[in-house]
């Protein structure tokens, strides 16, 4: 089969190599062999190529942490031809023609979504769902501030915030990304390259601030959020796409009476797998009702996977890029 491989660590475009004649992965007990129908590109794919992710598979490995696939063979409740989504078992990632899934951590692909959309639903929308509902307990009528709102996980947060009855303020970097955030349903879009988002949030909320902040960026996005979070507000730290991890002064947390929450979605797979399944069922229902739909901006051939990962790493994309082997 064909598969992208990382044999040395570095920038994705430089270290990812497409190889032919790679043996198909062999499933062990409790594992599924799937033919990859679509592989969504995620920021962790770039971090893994750089050796900067918390999961560091042995070299060589195939990246790709999210897929929609077709079951080959059978295991437990699954039958050949079943369409599933999930996170592949590394080092056999999704940027290949075949991959492995844990049979207990595979989920039925939502019938309302095509392969590319189904692949892009899993990590991004699960992350947003856990951040907003499990961690921040977002309530109808609250104001939700979403950073990087034109990206994959940001657009998911915008959609789920609206679905929860919140007023959504989206922060983006550039006019093109502003248009994408509006299409996702944001009530107010702030282009941080042209407007001070802190002032914009204060003005939009009559000085009260945002009740919940969804922050996958860190750096200045986090620092600014502490200046416009509401009394008893909640800041959910989802990631550090800016490359800078903030060090929040606890004195400020105390004086302003807000909460800083961390979210590492991957931990739920082992700590509370039923919660992941429940979230998938809710997301499937929302997709069936047309309430949420991953924003897939490009469907690319397998040969363009390395370039797609680099583009996501560079922050030049909107929505989701999906590779179709």
C-alpha atoms as a PDB file:
ATOM      1  CA  UNK A   1       0.000   0.000   0.000  1.00  0.00           C
ATOM      2  CA  UNK A   2       0.959   3.675  -0.176  1.00  0.00           C
ATOM      3  CA  UNK A   3       1.634   5.504   3.076  1.00  0.00           C
ATOM      4  CA  UNK A   4       3.253   8.747   4.183  1.00  0.00           C
ATOM      5  CA  UNK A   5       6.115   8.153   6.601  1.00  0.00           C
ATOM      6  CA  UNK A   6       8.177  10.289   8.958  1.00  0.00           C
ATOM      7  CA  UNK A   7      11.705   8.866   9.183  1.00  0.00           C
ATOM      8  CA  UNK A   8      13.302  11.894  10.850  1.00  0.00           C
ATOM      9  CA  UNK A   9      11.789  14.783  12.796  1.00  0.00           C
ATOM     10  CA  UNK A  10      11.310  18.251  11.356  1.00  0.00           C
ATOM     11  CA  UNK A  11       8.921  20.451   9.415  1.00  0.00           C
ATOM     12  CA  UNK A  12       6.152  18.319   7.830  1.00  0.00           C
ATOM     13  CA  UNK A  13       6.846  19.351   4.251  1.00  0.00           C
ATOM     14  CA  UNK A  14      10.509  18.411   4.673  1.00  0.00           C
ATOM     15  CA  UNK A  15      10.289  15.114   6.564  1.00  0.00           C
ATOM     16  CA  UNK A  16       7.099  13.491   5.264  1.00  0.00           C
ATOM     17  CA  UNK A  17       7.770  11.044   2.421  1.00  0.00           C
ATOM     18  CA  UNK A  18       5.193   9.087   0.406  1.00  0.00           C
ATOM     19  CA  UNK A  19       6.283   5.447   0.159  1.00  0.00           C
ATOM     20  CA  UNK A  20       4.902   2.639  -1.983  1.00  0.00           C
ATOM     21  CA  UNK A  21       4.920  -1.048  -1.213  1.00  0.00           C
ATOM     22  CA  UNK A  22       4.429  -0.491   2.527  1.00  0.00           C
ATOM     23  CA  UNK A  23       2.960  -3.638   4.145  1.00  0.00           C
ATOM     24  CA  UNK A  24      -0.588  -3.346   5.372  1.00  0.00           C
ATOM     25  CA  UNK A  25      -0.766  -3.127   9.163  1.00  0.00           C
ATOM     26  CA  UNK A  26      -1.804  -6.394  10.778  1.00  0.00           C
ATOM     27  CA  UNK A  27      -4.591  -6.100  13.356  1.00  0.00           C
ATOM     28  CA  UNK A  28      -4.037  -7.640  16.768  1.00  0.00           C
ATOM     29  CA  UNK A  29      -6.721  -8.776  19.218  1.00  0.00           C
ATOM     30  CA  UNK A  30      -9.460  -6.177  19.557  1.00  0.00           C
ATOM     31  CA  UNK A  31      -8.212  -4.152  16.585  1.00  0.00           C
ATOM     32  CA  UNK A  32      -9.850  -3.309  13.264  1.00  0.00           C
ATOM     33  CA  UNK A  33      -8.149  -3.076   9.888  1.00  0.00           C
ATOM     34  CA  UNK A  34      -9.858  -0.319   7.929  1.00  0.00           C
ATOM     35  CA  UNK A  35      -9.507   0.949   4.401  1.00  0.00           C
ATOM     36  CA  UNK A  36      -9.075   4.701   4.765  1.00  0.00           C
ATOM     37  CA  UNK A  37     -11.807   6.592   2.931  1.00  0.00           C
ATOM     38  CA  UNK A  38     -10.885  10.040   4.282  1.00  0.00           C
ATOM     39  CA  UNK A  39      -8.237  11.383   6.661  1.00  0.00           C
ATOM     40  CA  UNK A  40      -8.694  14.807   8.256  1.00  0.00           C
ATOM     41  CA  UNK A  41      -5.594  16.939   8.820  1.00  0.00           C
ATOM     42  CA  UNK A  42      -4.993  18.157  12.384  1.00  0.00           C
ATOM     43  CA  UNK A  43      -2.443  20.403  14.100  1.00  0.00           C
ATOM     44  CA  UNK A  44      -1.140  17.437  16.163  1.00  0.00           C
ATOM     45  CA  UNK A  45      -0.009  15.831  12.890  1.00  0.00           C
ATOM     46  CA  UNK A  46       2.463  18.680  12.466  1.00  0.00           C
ATOM     47  CA  UNK A  47       3.545  18.577  16.096  1.00  0.00           C
ATOM     48  CA  UNK A  48       4.153  14.838  15.784  1.00  0.00           C
ATOM     49  CA  UNK A  49       6.334  15.353  12.709  1.00  0.00           C
ATOM     50  CA  UNK A  50       8.359  17.896  14.694  1.00  0.00           C
ATOM     51  CA  UNK A  51       8.607  15.626  17.742  1.00  0.00           C
ATOM     52  CA  UNK A  52       6.722  18.199  19.826  1.00  0.00           C
ATOM     53  CA  UNK A  53       3.541  16.274  20.577  1.00  0.00           C
ATOM     54  CA  UNK A  54       2.836  14.463  23.847  1.00  0.00           C
ATOM     55  CA  UNK A  55       2.525  11.225  21.845  1.00  0.00           C
ATOM     56  CA  UNK A  56       5.825  10.315  20.184  1.00  0.00           C
ATOM     57  CA  UNK A  57       5.548   7.188  18.043  1.00  0.00           C
ATOM     58  CA  UNK A  58       8.776   5.394  17.145  1.00  0.00           C
ATOM     59  CA  UNK A  59      10.383   6.209  13.804  1.00  0.00           C
ATOM     60  CA  UNK A  60       9.359   5.565  11.124  1.00  0.00           C
ATOM     61  CA  UNK A  61       5.655   6.268  11.600  1.00  0.00           C
ATOM     62  CA  UNK A  62       2.660   7.295   9.529  1.00  0.00           C
ATOM     63  CA  UNK A  63       0.893  10.405  10.906  1.00  0.00           C
ATOM     64  CA  UNK A  64      -2.813  11.126  10.648  1.00  0.00           C
ATOM     65  CA  UNK A  65      -4.905  11.061  13.825  1.00  0.00           C
ATOM     66  CA  UNK A  66      -8.448  11.155  12.450  1.00  0.00           C
ATOM     67  CA  UNK A  67     -10.207   9.115   9.775  1.00  0.00           C
ATOM     68  CA  UNK A  68     -13.357   7.760   8.239  1.00  0.00           C
ATOM     69  CA  UNK A  69     -12.807   4.223   7.046  1.00  0.00           C
ATOM     70  CA  UNK A  70     -14.385   1.005   5.849  1.00  0.00           C
ATOM     71  CA  UNK A  71     -13.973  -2.085   8.009  1.00  0.00           C
ATOM     72  CA  UNK A  72     -11.974  -4.921   6.460  1.00  0.00           C
ATOM     73  CA  UNK A  73     -12.631  -8.231   8.201  1.00  0.00           C
ATOM     74  CA  UNK A  74     -14.719  -8.418  11.368  1.00  0.00           C
ATOM     75  CA  UNK A  75     -14.350  -7.915  15.098  1.00  0.00           C
ATOM     76  CA  UNK A  76     -17.051  -7.807  17.782  1.00  0.00           C
ATOM     77  CA  UNK A  77     -20.030  -5.782  16.527  1.00  0.00           C
ATOM     78  CA  UNK A  78     -18.284  -4.663  13.336  1.00  0.00           C
ATOM     79  CA  UNK A  79     -18.739  -6.312   9.948  1.00  0.00           C
ATOM     80  CA  UNK A  80     -16.924  -5.935   6.614  1.00  0.00           C
ATOM     81  CA  UNK A  81     -17.984  -2.758   4.863  1.00  0.00           C
ATOM     82  CA  UNK A  82     -19.109  -0.945   8.000  1.00  0.00           C
ATOM     83  CA  UNK A  83     -18.335   2.774   7.771  1.00  0.00           C
ATOM     84  CA  UNK A  84     -16.595   4.002  10.907  1.00  0.00           C
ATOM     85  CA  UNK A  85     -14.742   7.013  12.310  1.00  0.00           C
ATOM     86  CA  UNK A  86     -12.027   7.113  14.924  1.00  0.00           C
ATOM     87  CA  UNK A  87      -8.447   7.769  15.902  1.00  0.00           C
ATOM     88  CA  UNK A  88      -5.935   5.336  14.315  1.00  0.00           C
ATOM     89  CA  UNK A  89      -3.516   3.313  16.371  1.00  0.00           C
ATOM     90  CA  UNK A  90      -0.048   4.731  15.795  1.00  0.00           C
ATOM     91  CA  UNK A  91       2.431   4.161  14.249  1.00  0.00           C
ATOM     92  CA  UNK A  92      -0.111   3.235  11.547  1.00  0.00           C
ATOM     93  CA  UNK A  93      -1.792   6.616  11.080  1.00  0.00           C
ATOM     94  CA  UNK A  94      -4.466   7.774   8.668  1.00  0.00           C
ATOM     95  CA  UNK A  95      -2.286   9.154   5.845  1.00  0.00           C
ATOM     96  CA  UNK A  96      -2.201   5.771   4.170  1.00  0.00           C
ATOM     97  CA  UNK A  97      -4.494   3.443   2.288  1.00  0.00           C
ATOM     98  CA  UNK A  98      -5.075   1.247   5.364  1.00  0.00           C
ATOM     99  CA  UNK A  99      -4.918   1.868   9.115  1.00  0.00           C
ATOM    100  CA  UNK A 100      -5.801   0.252  12.433  1.00  0.00           C
ATOM    101  CA  UNK A 101      -8.485   1.234  14.943  1.00  0.00           C
ATOM    102  CA  UNK A 102      -9.215  -0.014  18.430  1.00  0.00           C
ATOM    103  CA  UNK A 103     -12.510  -1.868  17.920  1.00  0.00           C
ATOM    104  CA  UNK A 104     -13.949  -0.405  21.134  1.00  0.00           C
ATOM    105  CA  UNK A 105     -12.987   3.153  20.169  1.00  0.00           C
ATOM    106  CA  UNK A 106     -14.460   3.101  16.663  1.00  0.00           C
ATOM    107  CA  UNK A 107     -17.784   4.852  16.073  1.00  0.00           C
ATOM    108  CA  UNK A 108     -20.428   4.586  13.342  1.00  0.00           C
ATOM    109  CA  UNK A 109     -19.892   7.299  10.747  1.00  0.00           C
ATOM    110  CA  UNK A 110     -22.885   9.680  10.772  1.00  0.00           C
ATOM    111  CA  UNK A 111     -25.117   8.891   7.796  1.00  0.00           C
ATOM    112  CA  UNK A 112     -25.833  12.610   7.295  1.00  0.00           C
ATOM    113  CA  UNK A 113     -22.166  13.327   6.520  1.00  0.00           C
ATOM    114  CA  UNK A 114     -20.009  12.286   3.579  1.00  0.00           C
ATOM    115  CA  UNK A 115     -16.643  10.603   4.162  1.00  0.00           C
ATOM    116  CA  UNK A 116     -14.656  13.845   4.403  1.00  0.00           C
ATOM    117  CA  UNK A 117     -17.138  15.474   6.763  1.00  0.00           C
ATOM    118  CA  UNK A 118     -17.383  12.345   8.907  1.00  0.00           C
ATOM    119  CA  UNK A 119     -13.599  12.159   9.241  1.00  0.00           C
ATOM    120  CA  UNK A 120     -13.465  15.817  10.286  1.00  0.00           C
ATOM    121  CA  UNK A 121     -16.254  15.492  12.866  1.00  0.00           C
ATOM    122  CA  UNK A 122     -14.464  13.285  15.371  1.00  0.00           C
ATOM    123  CA  UNK A 123     -11.607  15.196  17.039  1.00  0.00           C
ATOM    124  CA  UNK A 124     -12.593  18.798  16.328  1.00  0.00           C
ATOM    125  CA  UNK A 125     -16.230  18.585  17.347  1.00  0.00           C
ATOM    126  CA  UNK A 126     -15.515  16.235  20.251  1.00  0.00           C
ATOM    127  CA  UNK A 127     -12.920  18.693  21.537  1.00  0.00           C
ATOM    128  CA  UNK A 128     -15.361  21.582  21.268  1.00  0.00           C
ATOM    129  CA  UNK A 129     -18.194  19.547  22.819  1.00  0.00           C
ATOM    130  CA  UNK A 130     -16.131  18.537  25.870  1.00  0.00           C
ATOM    131  CA  UNK A 131     -14.729  22.053  26.268  1.00  0.00           C
ATOM    132  CA  UNK A 132     -18.093  23.771  26.186  1.00  0.00           C
ATOM    133  CA  UNK A 133     -20.296  21.227  27.923  1.00  0.00           C
ATOM    134  CA  UNK A 134     -18.146  19.001  30.127  1.00  0.00           C
ATOM    135  CA  UNK A 135     -15.606  21.609  31.260  1.00  0.00           C
ATOM    136  CA  UNK A 136     -17.226  25.044  30.970  1.00  0.00           C
ATOM    137  CA  UNK A 137     -20.916  24.035  31.405  1.00  0.00           C
ATOM    138  CA  UNK A 138     -21.970  26.613  28.822  1.00  0.00           C
ATOM    139  CA  UNK A 139     -25.540  27.804  29.401  1.00  0.00           C
ATOM    140  CA  UNK A 140     -28.140  29.292  27.039  1.00  0.00           C
ATOM    141  CA  UNK A 141     -27.924  33.060  26.897  1.00  0.00           C
ATOM    142  CA  UNK A 142     -24.243  33.223  27.870  1.00  0.00           C
ATOM    143  CA  UNK A 143     -21.595  34.881  25.731  1.00  0.00           C
ATOM    144  CA  UNK A 144     -18.979  32.558  24.233  1.00  0.00           C
ATOM    145  CA  UNK A 145     -15.684  33.948  22.919  1.00  0.00           C
ATOM    146  CA  UNK A 146     -13.967  31.637  20.388  1.00  0.00           C
ATOM    147  CA  UNK A 147     -10.373  32.184  19.297  1.00  0.00           C
ATOM    148  CA  UNK A 148      -9.127  30.874  15.919  1.00  0.00           C
ATOM    149  CA  UNK A 149     -12.796  30.640  15.009  1.00  0.00           C
ATOM    150  CA  UNK A 150     -12.170  29.984  11.316  1.00  0.00           C
ATOM    151  CA  UNK A 151     -10.065  26.891  11.988  1.00  0.00           C
ATOM    152  CA  UNK A 152     -11.247  23.318  12.345  1.00  0.00           C
ATOM    153  CA  UNK A 153     -11.761  23.159  16.100  1.00  0.00           C
ATOM    154  CA  UNK A 154     -12.728  26.840  16.310  1.00  0.00           C
ATOM    155  CA  UNK A 155     -15.486  26.504  13.723  1.00  0.00           C
ATOM    156  CA  UNK A 156     -16.749  23.461  15.643  1.00  0.00           C
ATOM    157  CA  UNK A 157     -16.914  25.575  18.827  1.00  0.00           C
ATOM    158  CA  UNK A 158     -18.845  28.288  16.983  1.00  0.00           C
ATOM    159  CA  UNK A 159     -21.397  25.759  15.713  1.00  0.00           C
ATOM    160  CA  UNK A 160     -21.808  24.045  19.073  1.00  0.00           C
ATOM    161  CA  UNK A 161     -21.998  27.359  20.911  1.00  0.00           C
ATOM    162  CA  UNK A 162     -24.878  28.455  18.721  1.00  0.00           C
ATOM    163  CA  UNK A 163     -26.532  25.059  19.152  1.00  0.00           C
ATOM    164  CA  UNK A 164     -26.315  25.521  22.935  1.00  0.00           C
ATOM    165  CA  UNK A 165     -28.112  28.868  22.744  1.00  0.00           C
ATOM    166  CA  UNK A 166     -25.068  31.042  23.451  1.00  0.00           C
ATOM    167  CA  UNK A 167     -24.159  34.333  21.818  1.00  0.00           C
ATOM    168  CA  UNK A 168     -20.917  33.647  19.935  1.00  0.00           C
ATOM    169  CA  UNK A 169     -18.129  36.176  19.413  1.00  0.00           C
ATOM    170  CA  UNK A 170     -15.539  34.830  16.974  1.00  0.00           C
ATOM    171  CA  UNK A 171     -11.930  36.097  16.830  1.00  0.00           C
ATOM    172  CA  UNK A 172     -10.026  35.486  13.588  1.00  0.00           C
ATOM    173  CA  UNK A 173      -6.864  36.659  11.849  1.00  0.00           C
ATOM    174  CA  UNK A 174      -7.765  38.319   8.543  1.00  0.00           C
ATOM    175  CA  UNK A 175     -10.803  39.255   6.431  1.00  0.00           C
ATOM    176  CA  UNK A 176     -10.907  35.915   4.611  1.00  0.00           C
ATOM    177  CA  UNK A 177     -11.127  34.069   7.904  1.00  0.00           C
ATOM    178  CA  UNK A 178     -13.771  36.511   9.099  1.00  0.00           C
ATOM    179  CA  UNK A 179     -16.052  35.435   6.255  1.00  0.00           C
ATOM    180  CA  UNK A 180     -15.556  31.782   7.200  1.00  0.00           C
ATOM    181  CA  UNK A 181     -16.485  32.456  10.841  1.00  0.00           C
ATOM    182  CA  UNK A 182     -19.660  34.235   9.774  1.00  0.00           C
ATOM    183  CA  UNK A 183     -20.632  31.244   7.652  1.00  0.00           C
ATOM    184  CA  UNK A 184     -20.216  29.017  10.731  1.00  0.00           C
ATOM    185  CA  UNK A 185     -22.828  31.102  12.504  1.00  0.00           C
ATOM    186  CA  UNK A 186     -20.924  33.543  14.718  1.00  0.00           C
ATOM    187  CA  UNK A 187     -23.045  36.453  15.962  1.00  0.00           C
ATOM    188  CA  UNK A 188     -20.075  38.854  15.967  1.00  0.00           C
ATOM    189  CA  UNK A 189     -16.742  38.408  14.170  1.00  0.00           C
ATOM    190  CA  UNK A 190     -13.638  40.324  15.233  1.00  0.00           C
ATOM    191  CA  UNK A 191     -10.580  40.473  12.979  1.00  0.00           C
ATOM    192  CA  UNK A 192      -7.747  40.740  15.500  1.00  0.00           C
ATOM    193  CA  UNK A 193      -5.404  42.073  12.788  1.00  0.00           C
ATOM    194  CA  UNK A 194      -7.572  45.176  12.452  1.00  0.00           C
ATOM    195  CA  UNK A 195      -9.401  45.500  15.786  1.00  0.00           C
ATOM    196  CA  UNK A 196      -8.521  45.067  19.454  1.00  0.00           C
ATOM    197  CA  UNK A 197     -10.606  42.029  20.371  1.00  0.00           C
ATOM    198  CA  UNK A 198     -10.558  42.922  24.076  1.00  0.00           C
ATOM    199  CA  UNK A 199     -12.226  46.269  23.416  1.00  0.00           C
ATOM    200  CA  UNK A 200     -14.652  44.655  20.964  1.00  0.00           C
ATOM    201  CA  UNK A 201     -15.758  42.055  23.516  1.00  0.00           C
ATOM    202  CA  UNK A 202     -16.209  44.664  26.236  1.00  0.00           C
ATOM    203  CA  UNK A 203     -18.266  46.866  23.916  1.00  0.00           C
ATOM    204  CA  UNK A 204     -20.415  43.968  22.697  1.00  0.00           C
ATOM    205  CA  UNK A 205     -21.188  42.870  26.256  1.00  0.00           C
ATOM    206  CA  UNK A 206     -21.683  46.355  27.763  1.00  0.00           C
ATOM    207  CA  UNK A 207     -18.496  45.908  29.762  1.00  0.00           C
ATOM    208  CA  UNK A 208     -19.501  42.577  31.317  1.00  0.00           C
ATOM    209  CA  UNK A 209     -17.155  40.362  29.273  1.00  0.00           C
ATOM    210  CA  UNK A 210     -17.398  36.830  27.919  1.00  0.00           C
ATOM    211  CA  UNK A 211     -18.827  34.106  30.151  1.00  0.00           C
ATOM    212  CA  UNK A 212     -16.839  31.362  28.434  1.00  0.00           C
ATOM    213  CA  UNK A 213     -13.612  31.629  26.426  1.00  0.00           C
ATOM    214  CA  UNK A 214     -12.553  28.824  24.080  1.00  0.00           C
ATOM    215  CA  UNK A 215      -8.795  29.187  23.542  1.00  0.00           C
ATOM    216  CA  UNK A 216      -6.813  26.837  21.282  1.00  0.00           C
ATOM    217  CA  UNK A 217      -4.201  29.565  20.652  1.00  0.00           C
ATOM    218  CA  UNK A 218      -2.530  30.623  23.906  1.00  0.00           C
ATOM    219  CA  UNK A 219      -0.051  33.502  23.896  1.00  0.00           C
ATOM    220  CA  UNK A 220      -1.655  36.907  23.383  1.00  0.00           C
ATOM    221  CA  UNK A 221      -5.064  35.317  22.839  1.00  0.00           C
ATOM    222  CA  UNK A 222      -5.026  33.973  26.390  1.00  0.00           C
ATOM    223  CA  UNK A 223      -3.595  37.162  27.902  1.00  0.00           C
ATOM    224  CA  UNK A 224      -6.226  39.297  26.191  1.00  0.00           C
ATOM    225  CA  UNK A 225      -8.971  36.915  27.260  1.00  0.00           C
ATOM    226  CA  UNK A 226      -8.125  37.458  30.932  1.00  0.00           C
ATOM    227  CA  UNK A 227      -8.855  41.152  30.359  1.00  0.00           C
ATOM    228  CA  UNK A 228     -12.330  40.566  28.915  1.00  0.00           C
ATOM    229  CA  UNK A 229     -13.614  37.513  30.783  1.00  0.00           C
ATOM    230  CA  UNK A 230     -16.766  38.069  32.835  1.00  0.00           C
ATOM    231  CA  UNK A 231     -17.213  37.784  36.586  1.00  0.00           C
ATOM    232  CA  UNK A 232     -17.326  34.032  37.307  1.00  0.00           C
ATOM    233  CA  UNK A 233     -16.323  33.424  33.687  1.00  0.00           C
ATOM    234  CA  UNK A 234     -14.491  30.328  32.479  1.00  0.00           C
ATOM    235  CA  UNK A 235     -11.451  30.200  30.187  1.00  0.00           C
ATOM    236  CA  UNK A 236     -10.948  26.764  28.611  1.00  0.00           C
ATOM    237  CA  UNK A 237      -7.350  26.175  27.531  1.00  0.00           C
ATOM    238  CA  UNK A 238      -7.481  23.830  24.535  1.00  0.00           C
ATOM    239  CA  UNK A 239      -4.055  24.275  22.942  1.00  0.00           C
ATOM    240  CA  UNK A 240      -1.177  26.568  22.074  1.00  0.00           C
ATOM    241  CA  UNK A 241      -1.269  27.059  18.311  1.00  0.00           C
ATOM    242  CA  UNK A 242       0.563  30.377  18.748  1.00  0.00           C
ATOM    243  CA  UNK A 243       3.588  28.457  20.005  1.00  0.00           C
ATOM    244  CA  UNK A 244       3.634  30.332  23.299  1.00  0.00           C
ATOM    245  CA  UNK A 245       2.370  28.745  26.512  1.00  0.00           C
ATOM    246  CA  UNK A 246       1.153  31.456  28.904  1.00  0.00           C
ATOM    247  CA  UNK A 247       1.984  31.444  32.599  1.00  0.00           C
ATOM    248  CA  UNK A 248      -1.114  32.925  34.222  1.00  0.00           C
ATOM    249  CA  UNK A 249      -0.657  34.879  37.463  1.00  0.00           C
ATOM    250  CA  UNK A 250      -2.971  33.327  40.034  1.00  0.00           C
ATOM    251  CA  UNK A 251      -3.376  36.687  41.729  1.00  0.00           C
ATOM    252  CA  UNK A 252      -5.262  37.883  38.636  1.00  0.00           C
ATOM    253  CA  UNK A 253      -7.494  34.794  38.664  1.00  0.00           C
ATOM    254  CA  UNK A 254      -8.325  35.561  42.300  1.00  0.00           C
ATOM    255  CA  UNK A 255      -8.927  39.297  41.898  1.00  0.00           C
ATOM    256  CA  UNK A 256     -11.192  38.922  38.843  1.00  0.00           C
ATOM    257  CA  UNK A 257     -12.927  35.784  40.148  1.00  0.00           C
ATOM    258  CA  UNK A 258     -12.722  33.657  36.985  1.00  0.00           C
ATOM    259  CA  UNK A 259     -11.778  30.026  36.359  1.00  0.00           C
ATOM    260  CA  UNK A 260      -9.077  28.582  34.113  1.00  0.00           C
ATOM    261  CA  UNK A 261      -9.891  25.075  32.872  1.00  0.00           C
ATOM    262  CA  UNK A 262      -7.701  22.670  30.934  1.00  0.00           C
ATOM    263  CA  UNK A 263      -8.946  20.284  28.265  1.00  0.00           C
ATOM    264  CA  UNK A 264      -6.978  17.327  26.936  1.00  0.00           C
ATOM    265  CA  UNK A 265      -9.675  15.501  25.002  1.00  0.00           C
ATOM    266  CA  UNK A 266      -7.528  12.430  24.362  1.00  0.00           C
ATOM    267  CA  UNK A 267      -7.555  11.514  28.062  1.00  0.00           C
ATOM    268  CA  UNK A 268     -11.281  10.770  27.958  1.00  0.00           C
ATOM    269  CA  UNK A 269     -10.693   7.770  25.700  1.00  0.00           C
ATOM    270  CA  UNK A 270      -9.148   5.935  28.662  1.00  0.00           C
ATOM    271  CA  UNK A 271     -10.611   7.823  31.655  1.00  0.00           C
ATOM    272  CA  UNK A 272     -14.254   8.019  30.537  1.00  0.00           C
ATOM    273  CA  UNK A 273     -14.845   6.270  27.207  1.00  0.00           C
ATOM    274  CA  UNK A 274     -18.609   6.272  27.732  1.00  0.00           C
ATOM    275  CA  UNK A 275     -18.560  10.070  27.748  1.00  0.00           C
ATOM    276  CA  UNK A 276     -16.831  10.007  24.337  1.00  0.00           C
ATOM    277  CA  UNK A 277     -19.508   7.662  23.030  1.00  0.00           C
ATOM    278  CA  UNK A 278     -22.272   9.868  24.429  1.00  0.00           C
ATOM    279  CA  UNK A 279     -20.722  12.931  22.793  1.00  0.00           C
ATOM    280  CA  UNK A 280     -20.535  11.075  19.467  1.00  0.00           C
ATOM    281  CA  UNK A 281     -24.212  10.153  19.709  1.00  0.00           C
ATOM    282  CA  UNK A 282     -25.156  13.771  20.419  1.00  0.00           C
ATOM    283  CA  UNK A 283     -22.987  15.056  17.581  1.00  0.00           C
ATOM    284  CA  UNK A 284     -24.495  12.476  15.220  1.00  0.00           C
ATOM    285  CA  UNK A 285     -27.975  13.681  16.150  1.00  0.00           C
ATOM    286  CA  UNK A 286     -26.969  17.313  15.643  1.00  0.00           C
ATOM    287  CA  UNK A 287     -25.496  16.438  12.241  1.00  0.00           C
ATOM    288  CA  UNK A 288     -28.685  14.607  11.274  1.00  0.00           C
ATOM    289  CA  UNK A 289     -30.657  17.718  12.191  1.00  0.00           C
ATOM    290  CA  UNK A 290     -28.378  19.945  10.130  1.00  0.00           C
ATOM    291  CA  UNK A 291     -27.239  21.836  13.233  1.00  0.00           C
ATOM    292  CA  UNK A 292     -23.543  20.978  12.924  1.00  0.00           C
ATOM    293  CA  UNK A 293     -21.473  20.120   9.870  1.00  0.00           C
ATOM    294  CA  UNK A 294     -17.682  20.181   9.688  1.00  0.00           C
ATOM    295  CA  UNK A 295     -16.443  22.966   7.437  1.00  0.00           C
ATOM    296  CA  UNK A 296     -14.395  21.044   4.876  1.00  0.00           C
ATOM    297  CA  UNK A 297     -12.694  23.590   2.641  1.00  0.00           C
ATOM    298  CA  UNK A 298     -10.518  21.205   0.622  1.00  0.00           C
ATOM    299  CA  UNK A 299     -10.620  17.531  -0.347  1.00  0.00           C
ATOM    300  CA  UNK A 300      -7.122  16.546  -1.434  1.00  0.00           C
ATOM    301  CA  UNK A 301      -5.486  13.475  -2.981  1.00  0.00           C
ATOM    302  CA  UNK A 302      -3.113  11.396  -0.874  1.00  0.00           C
ATOM    303  CA  UNK A 303      -0.148  12.879  -2.752  1.00  0.00           C
ATOM    304  CA  UNK A 304      -0.837  16.311  -1.195  1.00  0.00           C
ATOM    305  CA  UNK A 305      -0.947  15.212   2.460  1.00  0.00           C
ATOM    306  CA  UNK A 306       2.467  16.628   3.429  1.00  0.00           C
ATOM    307  CA  UNK A 307       1.632  20.038   1.980  1.00  0.00           C
ATOM    308  CA  UNK A 308      -1.739  19.992   3.760  1.00  0.00           C
ATOM    309  CA  UNK A 309      -0.113  19.269   7.125  1.00  0.00           C
ATOM    310  CA  UNK A 310       2.358  22.109   6.593  1.00  0.00           C
ATOM    311  CA  UNK A 311      -0.421  24.537   5.699  1.00  0.00           C
ATOM    312  CA  UNK A 312      -2.294  23.678   8.892  1.00  0.00           C
ATOM    313  CA  UNK A 313       0.945  24.077  10.871  1.00  0.00           C
ATOM    314  CA  UNK A 314       1.508  27.503   9.310  1.00  0.00           C
ATOM    315  CA  UNK A 315      -2.010  28.653  10.210  1.00  0.00           C
ATOM    316  CA  UNK A 316      -2.912  29.622   6.654  1.00  0.00           C
ATOM    317  CA  UNK A 317      -6.045  27.470   6.348  1.00  0.00           C
ATOM    318  CA  UNK A 318      -9.712  27.896   7.186  1.00  0.00           C
ATOM    319  CA  UNK A 319     -11.998  25.030   8.121  1.00  0.00           C
ATOM    320  CA  UNK A 320     -10.735  21.497   7.610  1.00  0.00           C
ATOM    321  CA  UNK A 321      -8.444  19.953   4.998  1.00  0.00           C
ATOM    322  CA  UNK A 322      -9.190  16.296   4.284  1.00  0.00           C
ATOM    323  CA  UNK A 323      -7.062  13.790   2.395  1.00  0.00           C
ATOM    324  CA  UNK A 324      -8.827  11.192   0.257  1.00  0.00           C
ATOM    325  CA  UNK A 325      -6.524   8.170  -0.366  1.00  0.00           C
END
